[in-house]
Amino acid sequence: MIIAEHLSGYPVSKARSNTMFATPMFLVALFALIVAMHRGVTRRADASLRAQFEAEGSGGAVSRQMMRVAGFSV
C-alpha cells in the first residue's frame, strides 16, 4: 500500500473513493438516458398508431390488428 501511494502521489483510499462515487453516478445517468430514449420512441409510436386509428375509425383494419396483437380474436 505504501508503494502504490508513493507511485501515484495520492493515497490509495482517495482514488478508490472517487471511483466508488463515479461508478454509481455513471450508472444512474446511463439508466436515465435509456429511460428518456424509450419514452421518446414510445410516444412517437403511440402518436403514429393513434393517427392511423383516427383516420380509419373504430371499425377499421388498424383497430382489429391492434386488438389481435393484444391477444383478442376479432
PDB file of N, CA and C in Angstrom:
ATOM      1  N   MET A   1       0.818  -1.184   0.000  1.00  0.00           N
ATOM      2  CA  MET A   1       0.000   0.000   0.000  1.00  0.00           C
ATOM      3  C   MET A   1       0.861   1.247   0.000  1.00  0.00           C
ATOM      4  N   ILE A   2       1.973   1.192   0.674  1.00  0.00           N
ATOM      5  CA  ILE A   2       2.879   2.334   0.699  1.00  0.00           C
ATOM      6  C   ILE A   2       3.500   2.535  -0.680  1.00  0.00           C
ATOM      7  N   ILE A   3       3.790   1.443  -1.392  1.00  0.00           N
ATOM      8  CA  ILE A   3       4.375   1.554  -2.734  1.00  0.00           C
ATOM      9  C   ILE A   3       3.373   2.212  -3.685  1.00  0.00           C
ATOM     10  N   ALA A   4       2.135   1.784  -3.655  1.00  0.00           N
ATOM     11  CA  ALA A   4       1.119   2.371  -4.527  1.00  0.00           C
ATOM     12  C   ALA A   4       0.908   3.844  -4.199  1.00  0.00           C
ATOM     13  N   GLU A   5       0.964   4.172  -2.939  1.00  0.00           N
ATOM     14  CA  GLU A   5       0.800   5.560  -2.530  1.00  0.00           C
ATOM     15  C   GLU A   5       1.977   6.395  -3.019  1.00  0.00           C
ATOM     16  N   HIS A   6       3.149   5.830  -2.986  1.00  0.00           N
ATOM     17  CA  HIS A   6       4.342   6.546  -3.409  1.00  0.00           C
ATOM     18  C   HIS A   6       4.333   6.766  -4.928  1.00  0.00           C
ATOM     19  N   LEU A   7       3.904   5.787  -5.722  1.00  0.00           N
ATOM     20  CA  LEU A   7       3.939   5.900  -7.174  1.00  0.00           C
ATOM     21  C   LEU A   7       2.890   6.877  -7.710  1.00  0.00           C
ATOM     22  N   SER A   8       1.710   6.872  -7.151  1.00  0.00           N
ATOM     23  CA  SER A   8       0.647   7.719  -7.690  1.00  0.00           C
ATOM     24  C   SER A   8       0.664   9.129  -7.116  1.00  0.00           C
ATOM     25  N   GLY A   9       1.188   9.295  -5.944  1.00  0.00           N
ATOM     26  CA  GLY A   9       1.186  10.601  -5.320  1.00  0.00           C
ATOM     27  C   GLY A   9      -0.073  10.864  -4.513  1.00  0.00           C
ATOM     28  N   TYR A  10      -1.068  10.007  -4.640  1.00  0.00           N
ATOM     29  CA  TYR A  10      -2.323  10.136  -3.898  1.00  0.00           C
ATOM     30  C   TYR A  10      -2.502   8.922  -3.008  1.00  0.00           C
ATOM     31  N   PRO A  11      -3.157   9.087  -1.917  1.00  0.00           N
ATOM     32  CA  PRO A  11      -3.462   7.921  -1.094  1.00  0.00           C
ATOM     33  C   PRO A  11      -4.371   6.964  -1.867  1.00  0.00           C
ATOM     34  N   VAL A  12      -4.182   5.695  -1.676  1.00  0.00           N
ATOM     35  CA  VAL A  12      -4.978   4.693  -2.380  1.00  0.00           C
ATOM     36  C   VAL A  12      -6.448   4.834  -2.026  1.00  0.00           C
ATOM     37  N   SER A  13      -6.752   5.134  -0.788  1.00  0.00           N
ATOM     38  CA  SER A  13      -8.146   5.241  -0.378  1.00  0.00           C
ATOM     39  C   SER A  13      -8.846   6.402  -1.089  1.00  0.00           C
ATOM     40  N   LYS A  14      -8.163   7.482  -1.403  1.00  0.00           N
ATOM     41  CA  LYS A  14      -8.757   8.621  -2.102  1.00  0.00           C
ATOM     42  C   LYS A  14      -9.150   8.231  -3.529  1.00  0.00           C
ATOM     43  N   ALA A  15      -8.271   7.535  -4.222  1.00  0.00           N
ATOM     44  CA  ALA A  15      -8.569   7.104  -5.585  1.00  0.00           C
ATOM     45  C   ALA A  15      -9.726   6.116  -5.588  1.00  0.00           C
ATOM     46  N   ARG A  16      -9.739   5.224  -4.651  1.00  0.00           N
ATOM     47  CA  ARG A  16     -10.813   4.232  -4.569  1.00  0.00           C
ATOM     48  C   ARG A  16     -12.132   4.924  -4.240  1.00  0.00           C
ATOM     49  N   SER A  17     -12.084   5.947  -3.410  1.00  0.00           N
ATOM     50  CA  SER A  17     -13.282   6.686  -3.041  1.00  0.00           C
ATOM     51  C   SER A  17     -13.875   7.402  -4.253  1.00  0.00           C
ATOM     52  N   ASN A  18     -13.037   8.009  -5.082  1.00  0.00           N
ATOM     53  CA  ASN A  18     -13.515   8.691  -6.287  1.00  0.00           C
ATOM     54  C   ASN A  18     -14.147   7.704  -7.254  1.00  0.00           C
ATOM     55  N   THR A  19     -13.560   6.547  -7.412  1.00  0.00           N
ATOM     56  CA  THR A  19     -14.094   5.532  -8.311  1.00  0.00           C
ATOM     57  C   THR A  19     -15.417   4.998  -7.784  1.00  0.00           C
ATOM     58  N   MET A  20     -15.509   4.813  -6.489  1.00  0.00           N
ATOM     59  CA  MET A  20     -16.740   4.286  -5.909  1.00  0.00           C
ATOM     60  C   MET A  20     -17.868   5.310  -5.991  1.00  0.00           C
ATOM     61  N   PHE A  21     -17.555   6.583  -6.112  1.00  0.00           N
ATOM     62  CA  PHE A  21     -18.578   7.602  -6.284  1.00  0.00           C
ATOM     63  C   PHE A  21     -18.957   7.755  -7.761  1.00  0.00           C
ATOM     64  N   ALA A  22     -17.990   7.674  -8.639  1.00  0.00           N
ATOM     65  CA  ALA A  22     -18.225   7.910 -10.057  1.00  0.00           C
ATOM     66  C   ALA A  22     -19.004   6.770 -10.710  1.00  0.00           C
ATOM     67  N   THR A  23     -18.751   5.552 -10.319  1.00  0.00           N
ATOM     68  CA  THR A  23     -19.415   4.411 -10.945  1.00  0.00           C
ATOM     69  C   THR A  23     -20.927   4.430 -10.738  1.00  0.00           C
ATOM     70  N   PRO A  24     -21.442   4.588  -9.528  1.00  0.00           N
ATOM     71  CA  PRO A  24     -22.904   4.652  -9.390  1.00  0.00           C
ATOM     72  C   PRO A  24     -23.517   5.859 -10.107  1.00  0.00           C
ATOM     73  N   MET A  25     -22.823   6.987 -10.108  1.00  0.00           N
ATOM     74  CA  MET A  25     -23.339   8.168 -10.809  1.00  0.00           C
ATOM     75  C   MET A  25     -23.425   7.902 -12.312  1.00  0.00           C
ATOM     76  N   PHE A  26     -22.427   7.225 -12.867  1.00  0.00           N
ATOM     77  CA  PHE A  26     -22.448   6.877 -14.285  1.00  0.00           C
ATOM     78  C   PHE A  26     -23.613   5.943 -14.586  1.00  0.00           C
ATOM     79  N   LEU A  27     -23.836   4.953 -13.726  1.00  0.00           N
ATOM     80  CA  LEU A  27     -24.928   4.006 -13.944  1.00  0.00           C
ATOM     81  C   LEU A  27     -26.292   4.692 -13.856  1.00  0.00           C
ATOM     82  N   VAL A  28     -26.449   5.614 -12.928  1.00  0.00           N
ATOM     83  CA  VAL A  28     -27.712   6.351 -12.805  1.00  0.00           C
ATOM     84  C   VAL A  28     -27.940   7.205 -14.053  1.00  0.00           C
ATOM     85  N   ALA A  29     -26.901   7.872 -14.524  1.00  0.00           N
ATOM     86  CA  ALA A  29     -27.024   8.698 -15.721  1.00  0.00           C
ATOM     87  C   ALA A  29     -27.346   7.846 -16.946  1.00  0.00           C
ATOM     88  N   LEU A  30     -26.722   6.687 -17.061  1.00  0.00           N
ATOM     89  CA  LEU A  30     -26.989   5.785 -18.176  1.00  0.00           C
ATOM     90  C   LEU A  30     -28.433   5.292 -18.137  1.00  0.00           C
ATOM     91  N   PHE A  31     -28.913   4.927 -16.962  1.00  0.00           N
ATOM     92  CA  PHE A  31     -30.288   4.477 -16.809  1.00  0.00           C
ATOM     93  C   PHE A  31     -31.267   5.591 -17.183  1.00  0.00           C
ATOM     94  N   ALA A  32     -30.995   6.815 -16.744  1.00  0.00           N
ATOM     95  CA  ALA A  32     -31.870   7.948 -17.065  1.00  0.00           C
ATOM     96  C   ALA A  32     -31.895   8.206 -18.568  1.00  0.00           C
ATOM     97  N   LEU A  33     -30.768   8.063 -19.229  1.00  0.00           N
ATOM     98  CA  LEU A  33     -30.705   8.248 -20.675  1.00  0.00           C
ATOM     99  C   LEU A  33     -31.531   7.194 -21.399  1.00  0.00           C
ATOM    100  N   ILE A  34     -31.424   5.947 -20.979  1.00  0.00           N
ATOM    101  CA  ILE A  34     -32.184   4.868 -21.606  1.00  0.00           C
ATOM    102  C   ILE A  34     -33.680   5.076 -21.407  1.00  0.00           C
ATOM    103  N   VAL A  35     -34.081   5.471 -20.210  1.00  0.00           N
ATOM    104  CA  VAL A  35     -35.499   5.712 -19.939  1.00  0.00           C
ATOM    105  C   VAL A  35     -36.022   6.852 -20.808  1.00  0.00           C
ATOM    106  N   ALA A  36     -35.267   7.930 -20.927  1.00  0.00           N
ATOM    107  CA  ALA A  36     -35.702   9.069 -21.738  1.00  0.00           C
ATOM    108  C   ALA A  36     -35.827   8.686 -23.204  1.00  0.00           C
ATOM    109  N   MET A  37     -34.887   7.920 -23.715  1.00  0.00           N
ATOM    110  CA  MET A  37     -34.951   7.488 -25.105  1.00  0.00           C
ATOM    111  C   MET A  37     -36.141   6.566 -25.325  1.00  0.00           C
ATOM    112  N   HIS A  38     -36.391   5.657 -24.392  1.00  0.00           N
ATOM    113  CA  HIS A  38     -37.513   4.733 -24.522  1.00  0.00           C
ATOM    114  C   HIS A  38     -38.837   5.490 -24.523  1.00  0.00           C
ATOM    115  N   ARG A  39     -38.956   6.480 -23.663  1.00  0.00           N
ATOM    116  CA  ARG A  39     -40.195   7.267 -23.617  1.00  0.00           C
ATOM    117  C   ARG A  39     -40.419   8.009 -24.921  1.00  0.00           C
ATOM    118  N   GLY A  40     -39.356   8.545 -25.523  1.00  0.00           N
ATOM    119  CA  GLY A  40     -39.486   9.252 -26.799  1.00  0.00           C
ATOM    120  C   GLY A  40     -39.947   8.333 -27.915  1.00  0.00           C
ATOM    121  N   VAL A  41     -39.361   7.152 -27.977  1.00  0.00           N
ATOM    122  CA  VAL A  41     -39.735   6.180 -29.011  1.00  0.00           C
ATOM    123  C   VAL A  41     -41.176   5.742 -28.806  1.00  0.00           C
ATOM    124  N   THR A  42     -41.567   5.487 -27.558  1.00  0.00           N
ATOM    125  CA  THR A  42     -42.919   5.037 -27.265  1.00  0.00           C
ATOM    126  C   THR A  42     -43.947   6.115 -27.618  1.00  0.00           C
ATOM    127  N   ARG A  43     -43.639   7.357 -27.306  1.00  0.00           N
ATOM    128  CA  ARG A  43     -44.578   8.444 -27.620  1.00  0.00           C
ATOM    129  C   ARG A  43     -44.766   8.603 -29.121  1.00  0.00           C
ATOM    130  N   ARG A  44     -43.665   8.517 -29.878  1.00  0.00           N
ATOM    131  CA  ARG A  44     -43.782   8.641 -31.331  1.00  0.00           C
ATOM    132  C   ARG A  44     -44.596   7.500 -31.925  1.00  0.00           C
ATOM    133  N   ALA A  45     -44.358   6.277 -31.456  1.00  0.00           N
ATOM    134  CA  ALA A  45     -45.109   5.130 -31.954  1.00  0.00           C
ATOM    135  C   ALA A  45     -46.579   5.245 -31.585  1.00  0.00           C
ATOM    136  N   ASP A  46     -46.852   5.707 -30.384  1.00  0.00           N
ATOM    137  CA  ASP A  46     -48.236   5.873 -29.950  1.00  0.00           C
ATOM    138  C   ASP A  46     -48.948   6.927 -30.793  1.00  0.00           C
ATOM    139  N   ALA A  47     -48.289   8.020 -31.071  1.00  0.00           N
ATOM    140  CA  ALA A  47     -48.891   9.073 -31.887  1.00  0.00           C
ATOM    141  C   ALA A  47     -49.169   8.574 -33.298  1.00  0.00           C
ATOM    142  N   SER A  48     -48.257   7.790 -33.832  1.00  0.00           N
ATOM    143  CA  SER A  48     -48.449   7.248 -35.173  1.00  0.00           C
ATOM    144  C   SER A  48     -49.636   6.297 -35.222  1.00  0.00           C
ATOM    145  N   LEU A  49     -49.706   5.385 -34.254  1.00  0.00           N
ATOM    146  CA  LEU A  49     -50.833   4.448 -34.215  1.00  0.00           C
ATOM    147  C   LEU A  49     -52.150   5.172 -33.962  1.00  0.00           C
ATOM    148  N   ARG A  50     -52.123   6.179 -33.113  1.00  0.00           N
ATOM    149  CA  ARG A  50     -53.343   6.939 -32.827  1.00  0.00           C
ATOM    150  C   ARG A  50     -53.835   7.670 -34.085  1.00  0.00           C
ATOM    151  N   ALA A  51     -52.917   8.219 -34.860  1.00  0.00           N
ATOM    152  CA  ALA A  51     -53.294   8.911 -36.097  1.00  0.00           C
ATOM    153  C   ALA A  51     -53.907   7.934 -37.093  1.00  0.00           C
ATOM    154  N   GLN A  52     -53.326   6.743 -37.222  1.00  0.00           N
ATOM    155  CA  GLN A  52     -53.889   5.724 -38.118  1.00  0.00           C
ATOM    156  C   GLN A  52     -55.273   5.302 -37.645  1.00  0.00           C
ATOM    157  N   PHE A  53     -55.417   5.101 -36.356  1.00  0.00           N
ATOM    158  CA  PHE A  53     -56.693   4.667 -35.806  1.00  0.00           C
ATOM    159  C   PHE A  53     -57.783   5.711 -36.049  1.00  0.00           C
ATOM    160  N   GLU A  54     -57.448   6.973 -35.822  1.00  0.00           N
ATOM    161  CA  GLU A  54     -58.425   8.041 -36.017  1.00  0.00           C
ATOM    162  C   GLU A  54     -58.775   8.236 -37.485  1.00  0.00           C
ATOM    163  N   ALA A  55     -57.833   7.980 -38.379  1.00  0.00           N
ATOM    164  CA  ALA A  55     -58.095   8.135 -39.817  1.00  0.00           C
ATOM    165  C   ALA A  55     -59.050   7.056 -40.326  1.00  0.00           C
ATOM    166  N   GLU A  56     -58.942   5.850 -39.797  1.00  0.00           N
ATOM    167  CA  GLU A  56     -59.767   4.747 -40.285  1.00  0.00           C
ATOM    168  C   GLU A  56     -61.054   4.558 -39.498  1.00  0.00           C
ATOM    169  N   GLY A  57     -61.112   5.077 -38.308  1.00  0.00           N
ATOM    170  CA  GLY A  57     -62.305   4.895 -37.484  1.00  0.00           C
ATOM    171  C   GLY A  57     -62.204   3.627 -36.641  1.00  0.00           C
ATOM    172  N   SER A  58     -63.194   3.435 -35.772  1.00  0.00           N
ATOM    173  CA  SER A  58     -63.119   2.319 -34.828  1.00  0.00           C
ATOM    174  C   SER A  58     -63.353   0.966 -35.490  1.00  0.00           C
ATOM    175  N   GLY A  59     -63.926   0.918 -36.668  1.00  0.00           N
ATOM    176  CA  GLY A  59     -64.171  -0.364 -37.335  1.00  0.00           C
ATOM    177  C   GLY A  59     -63.130  -0.695 -38.368  1.00  0.00           C
ATOM    178  N   GLY A  60     -62.052   0.064 -38.427  1.00  0.00           N
ATOM    179  CA  GLY A  60     -61.040  -0.123 -39.456  1.00  0.00           C
ATOM    180  C   GLY A  60     -60.115  -1.292 -39.177  1.00  0.00           C
ATOM    181  N   ALA A  61     -59.268  -1.563 -40.158  1.00  0.00           N
ATOM    182  CA  ALA A  61     -58.333  -2.687 -40.078  1.00  0.00           C
ATOM    183  C   ALA A  61     -57.287  -2.471 -38.982  1.00  0.00           C
ATOM    184  N   VAL A  62     -56.902  -1.226 -38.756  1.00  0.00           N
ATOM    185  CA  VAL A  62     -55.871  -0.950 -37.751  1.00  0.00           C
ATOM    186  C   VAL A  62     -56.376  -1.327 -36.361  1.00  0.00           C
ATOM    187  N   SER A  63     -57.629  -0.991 -36.066  1.00  0.00           N
ATOM    188  CA  SER A  63     -58.146  -1.308 -34.733  1.00  0.00           C
ATOM    189  C   SER A  63     -58.233  -2.821 -34.537  1.00  0.00           C
ATOM    190  N   ARG A  64     -58.646  -3.554 -35.587  1.00  0.00           N
ATOM    191  CA  ARG A  64     -58.690  -5.019 -35.469  1.00  0.00           C
ATOM    192  C   ARG A  64     -57.288  -5.598 -35.306  1.00  0.00           C
ATOM    193  N   GLN A  65     -56.333  -5.058 -36.039  1.00  0.00           N
ATOM    194  CA  GLN A  65     -54.962  -5.540 -35.918  1.00  0.00           C
ATOM    195  C   GLN A  65     -54.418  -5.267 -34.511  1.00  0.00           C
ATOM    196  N   MET A  66     -54.708  -4.091 -33.955  1.00  0.00           N
ATOM    197  CA  MET A  66     -54.233  -3.773 -32.613  1.00  0.00           C
ATOM    198  C   MET A  66     -54.848  -4.724 -31.582  1.00  0.00           C
ATOM    199  N   MET A  67     -56.109  -5.061 -31.776  1.00  0.00           N
ATOM    200  CA  MET A  67     -56.765  -5.996 -30.843  1.00  0.00           C
ATOM    201  C   MET A  67     -56.169  -7.397 -30.965  1.00  0.00           C
ATOM    202  N   ARG A  68     -55.845  -7.824 -32.202  1.00  0.00           N
ATOM    203  CA  ARG A  68     -55.211  -9.136 -32.395  1.00  0.00           C
ATOM    204  C   ARG A  68     -53.853  -9.188 -31.701  1.00  0.00           C
ATOM    205  N   VAL A  69     -53.077  -8.120 -31.849  1.00  0.00           N
ATOM    206  CA  VAL A  69     -51.756  -8.060 -31.210  1.00  0.00           C
ATOM    207  C   VAL A  69     -51.909  -8.131 -29.687  1.00  0.00           C
ATOM    208  N   ALA A  70     -52.989  -7.528 -29.157  1.00  0.00           N
ATOM    209  CA  ALA A  70     -53.217  -7.532 -27.722  1.00  0.00           C
ATOM    210  C   ALA A  70     -53.727  -8.871 -27.213  1.00  0.00           C
ATOM    211  N   GLY A  71     -54.066  -9.788 -28.134  1.00  0.00           N
ATOM    212  CA  GLY A  71     -54.479 -11.132 -27.706  1.00  0.00           C
ATOM    213  C   GLY A  71     -55.932 -11.442 -27.903  1.00  0.00           C
ATOM    214  N   PHE A  72     -56.706 -10.515 -28.441  1.00  0.00           N
ATOM    215  CA  PHE A  72     -58.120 -10.763 -28.689  1.00  0.00           C
ATOM    216  C   PHE A  72     -58.286 -11.413 -30.061  1.00  0.00           C
ATOM    217  N   SER A  73     -59.298 -12.235 -30.207  1.00  0.00           N
ATOM    218  CA  SER A  73     -59.581 -12.834 -31.515  1.00  0.00           C
ATOM    219  C   SER A  73     -60.780 -12.123 -32.118  1.00  0.00           C
ATOM    220  N   VAL A  74     -60.496 -11.244 -33.070  1.00  0.00           N
ATOM    221  CA  VAL A  74     -61.559 -10.478 -33.736  1.00  0.00           C
ATOM    222  C   VAL A  74     -61.506 -10.720 -35.226  1.00  0.00           C
TER     223      VAL A  74
END
